[in-house]
Amino acid sequence: MATIVRKKSGKKSVKKAFDKAVSSKGVDTRKYCGIISLKTNPLVIQKQLRDEWE
């Protein structure tokens, strides 16, 4: 989510926009817990992904 803040904006309007962005509900990630079954260790997968850039 992006919020545009202009130079003319006062402190109250900036704080209100920031609070609105922070308080957004987002996605409930708990419903996806345990859905994916991995055959390898997640740390090994992460290291492989990081090594792709070299």
N, C-alpha and C. Protein backbone atom coordinates (compact mmCIF):
# COMPACT_ATOMS: atom_id res chain seq x y z
N MET A 1 0.84 -1.17 0.00
CA MET A 1 0.00 0.00 0.00
C MET A 1 0.89 1.23 0.00
N ALA A 2 0.55 2.19 -0.79
CA ALA A 2 1.33 3.41 -0.88
C ALA A 2 0.48 4.60 -0.43
N THR A 3 1.12 5.53 0.24
CA THR A 3 0.46 6.73 0.69
C THR A 3 1.24 7.93 0.18
N ILE A 4 0.56 8.84 -0.47
CA ILE A 4 1.22 10.03 -1.00
C ILE A 4 1.11 11.14 0.02
N VAL A 5 2.25 11.73 0.38
CA VAL A 5 2.30 12.84 1.33
C VAL A 5 2.89 14.03 0.59
N ARG A 6 2.14 15.10 0.56
CA ARG A 6 2.61 16.31 -0.12
C ARG A 6 3.19 17.28 0.90
N LYS A 7 3.97 18.22 0.43
CA LYS A 7 4.60 19.19 1.31
C LYS A 7 3.56 20.02 2.07
N LYS A 8 2.42 20.27 1.46
CA LYS A 8 1.38 21.09 2.07
C LYS A 8 0.63 20.36 3.18
N SER A 9 0.78 19.06 3.27
CA SER A 9 0.05 18.27 4.25
C SER A 9 0.50 18.63 5.66
N GLY A 10 -0.46 18.73 6.55
CA GLY A 10 -0.16 19.03 7.93
C GLY A 10 0.17 17.77 8.71
N LYS A 11 0.62 17.95 9.95
CA LYS A 11 0.98 16.82 10.78
C LYS A 11 -0.20 15.90 11.04
N LYS A 12 -1.37 16.48 11.25
CA LYS A 12 -2.55 15.68 11.55
C LYS A 12 -2.93 14.78 10.38
N SER A 13 -2.91 15.33 9.18
CA SER A 13 -3.29 14.53 8.02
C SER A 13 -2.26 13.43 7.72
N VAL A 14 -0.98 13.73 7.94
CA VAL A 14 0.06 12.72 7.73
C VAL A 14 -0.09 11.60 8.77
N LYS A 15 -0.31 11.97 10.02
CA LYS A 15 -0.47 10.97 11.08
C LYS A 15 -1.71 10.11 10.82
N LYS A 16 -2.81 10.74 10.36
CA LYS A 16 -4.03 10.02 10.07
C LYS A 16 -3.81 9.01 8.94
N ALA A 17 -3.10 9.42 7.90
CA ALA A 17 -2.81 8.53 6.77
C ALA A 17 -1.91 7.38 7.21
N PHE A 18 -0.92 7.69 8.05
CA PHE A 18 -0.01 6.65 8.53
C PHE A 18 -0.76 5.64 9.40
N ASP A 19 -1.60 6.13 10.31
CA ASP A 19 -2.36 5.24 11.18
C ASP A 19 -3.31 4.35 10.38
N LYS A 20 -3.89 4.90 9.33
CA LYS A 20 -4.78 4.12 8.48
C LYS A 20 -4.01 3.01 7.76
N ALA A 21 -2.82 3.32 7.29
CA ALA A 21 -2.00 2.32 6.59
C ALA A 21 -1.53 1.24 7.54
N VAL A 22 -1.17 1.59 8.75
CA VAL A 22 -0.65 0.62 9.71
C VAL A 22 -1.77 -0.27 10.24
N SER A 23 -2.95 0.28 10.42
CA SER A 23 -4.03 -0.48 11.02
C SER A 23 -4.80 -1.36 10.04
N SER A 24 -4.34 -1.45 8.81
CA SER A 24 -5.05 -2.29 7.84
C SER A 24 -5.00 -3.75 8.28
N LYS A 25 -6.05 -4.48 8.01
CA LYS A 25 -6.19 -5.84 8.49
C LYS A 25 -5.18 -6.79 7.86
N GLY A 26 -4.95 -6.69 6.59
CA GLY A 26 -3.99 -7.57 5.93
C GLY A 26 -4.57 -8.94 5.66
N VAL A 27 -3.71 -9.94 5.62
CA VAL A 27 -4.09 -11.30 5.28
C VAL A 27 -3.98 -12.17 6.53
N ASP A 28 -4.94 -13.03 6.73
CA ASP A 28 -4.88 -13.97 7.84
C ASP A 28 -4.03 -15.16 7.42
N THR A 29 -2.77 -15.16 7.84
CA THR A 29 -1.84 -16.22 7.43
C THR A 29 -2.02 -17.50 8.22
N ARG A 30 -2.75 -17.45 9.31
CA ARG A 30 -2.95 -18.66 10.13
C ARG A 30 -3.74 -19.72 9.38
N LYS A 31 -4.59 -19.32 8.46
CA LYS A 31 -5.38 -20.31 7.73
C LYS A 31 -4.52 -21.13 6.77
N TYR A 32 -3.32 -20.66 6.45
CA TYR A 32 -2.43 -21.39 5.57
C TYR A 32 -1.40 -22.24 6.33
N CYS A 33 -1.44 -22.23 7.63
CA CYS A 33 -0.47 -22.96 8.45
C CYS A 33 -0.63 -24.47 8.22
N GLY A 34 0.46 -25.12 7.84
CA GLY A 34 0.45 -26.56 7.64
C GLY A 34 -0.03 -27.01 6.29
N ILE A 35 -0.29 -26.11 5.37
CA ILE A 35 -0.79 -26.47 4.05
C ILE A 35 0.32 -27.06 3.18
N ILE A 36 1.50 -26.43 3.20
CA ILE A 36 2.60 -26.86 2.35
C ILE A 36 3.44 -27.91 3.08
N SER A 37 3.66 -29.03 2.42
CA SER A 37 4.54 -30.05 3.00
C SER A 37 5.84 -30.07 2.17
N LEU A 38 6.93 -29.69 2.81
CA LEU A 38 8.23 -29.62 2.13
C LEU A 38 9.01 -30.91 2.35
N LYS A 39 9.73 -31.32 1.32
CA LYS A 39 10.56 -32.52 1.43
C LYS A 39 11.97 -32.18 1.88
N THR A 40 12.38 -30.92 1.73
CA THR A 40 13.70 -30.51 2.17
C THR A 40 13.57 -29.45 3.25
N ASN A 41 14.68 -29.20 3.93
CA ASN A 41 14.73 -28.22 4.99
C ASN A 41 14.57 -26.81 4.40
N PRO A 42 13.72 -25.97 4.99
CA PRO A 42 13.54 -24.62 4.45
C PRO A 42 14.83 -23.80 4.42
N LEU A 43 15.75 -24.03 5.36
CA LEU A 43 17.01 -23.30 5.34
C LEU A 43 17.85 -23.67 4.13
N VAL A 44 17.80 -24.92 3.72
CA VAL A 44 18.53 -25.36 2.53
C VAL A 44 17.95 -24.68 1.29
N ILE A 45 16.63 -24.60 1.23
CA ILE A 45 15.98 -23.92 0.10
C ILE A 45 16.38 -22.46 0.07
N GLN A 46 16.40 -21.81 1.23
CA GLN A 46 16.77 -20.40 1.30
C GLN A 46 18.21 -20.18 0.84
N LYS A 47 19.13 -21.04 1.25
CA LYS A 47 20.53 -20.91 0.82
C LYS A 47 20.66 -21.10 -0.69
N GLN A 48 19.90 -22.04 -1.25
CA GLN A 48 19.94 -22.26 -2.69
C GLN A 48 19.44 -21.03 -3.44
N LEU A 49 18.37 -20.42 -2.94
CA LEU A 49 17.84 -19.23 -3.59
C LEU A 49 18.83 -18.06 -3.51
N ARG A 50 19.51 -17.95 -2.40
CA ARG A 50 20.49 -16.86 -2.26
C ARG A 50 21.71 -17.08 -3.14
N ASP A 51 22.09 -18.34 -3.34
CA ASP A 51 23.25 -18.64 -4.15
C ASP A 51 22.98 -18.47 -5.65
N GLU A 52 21.71 -18.39 -6.04
CA GLU A 52 21.40 -18.20 -7.46
C GLU A 52 21.92 -16.88 -7.99
N TRP A 53 22.07 -15.88 -7.14
CA TRP A 53 22.47 -14.54 -7.57
C TRP A 53 23.96 -14.45 -7.87
N GLU A 54 24.71 -15.39 -7.41
CA GLU A 54 26.18 -15.33 -7.62
C GLU A 54 26.57 -15.94 -8.94
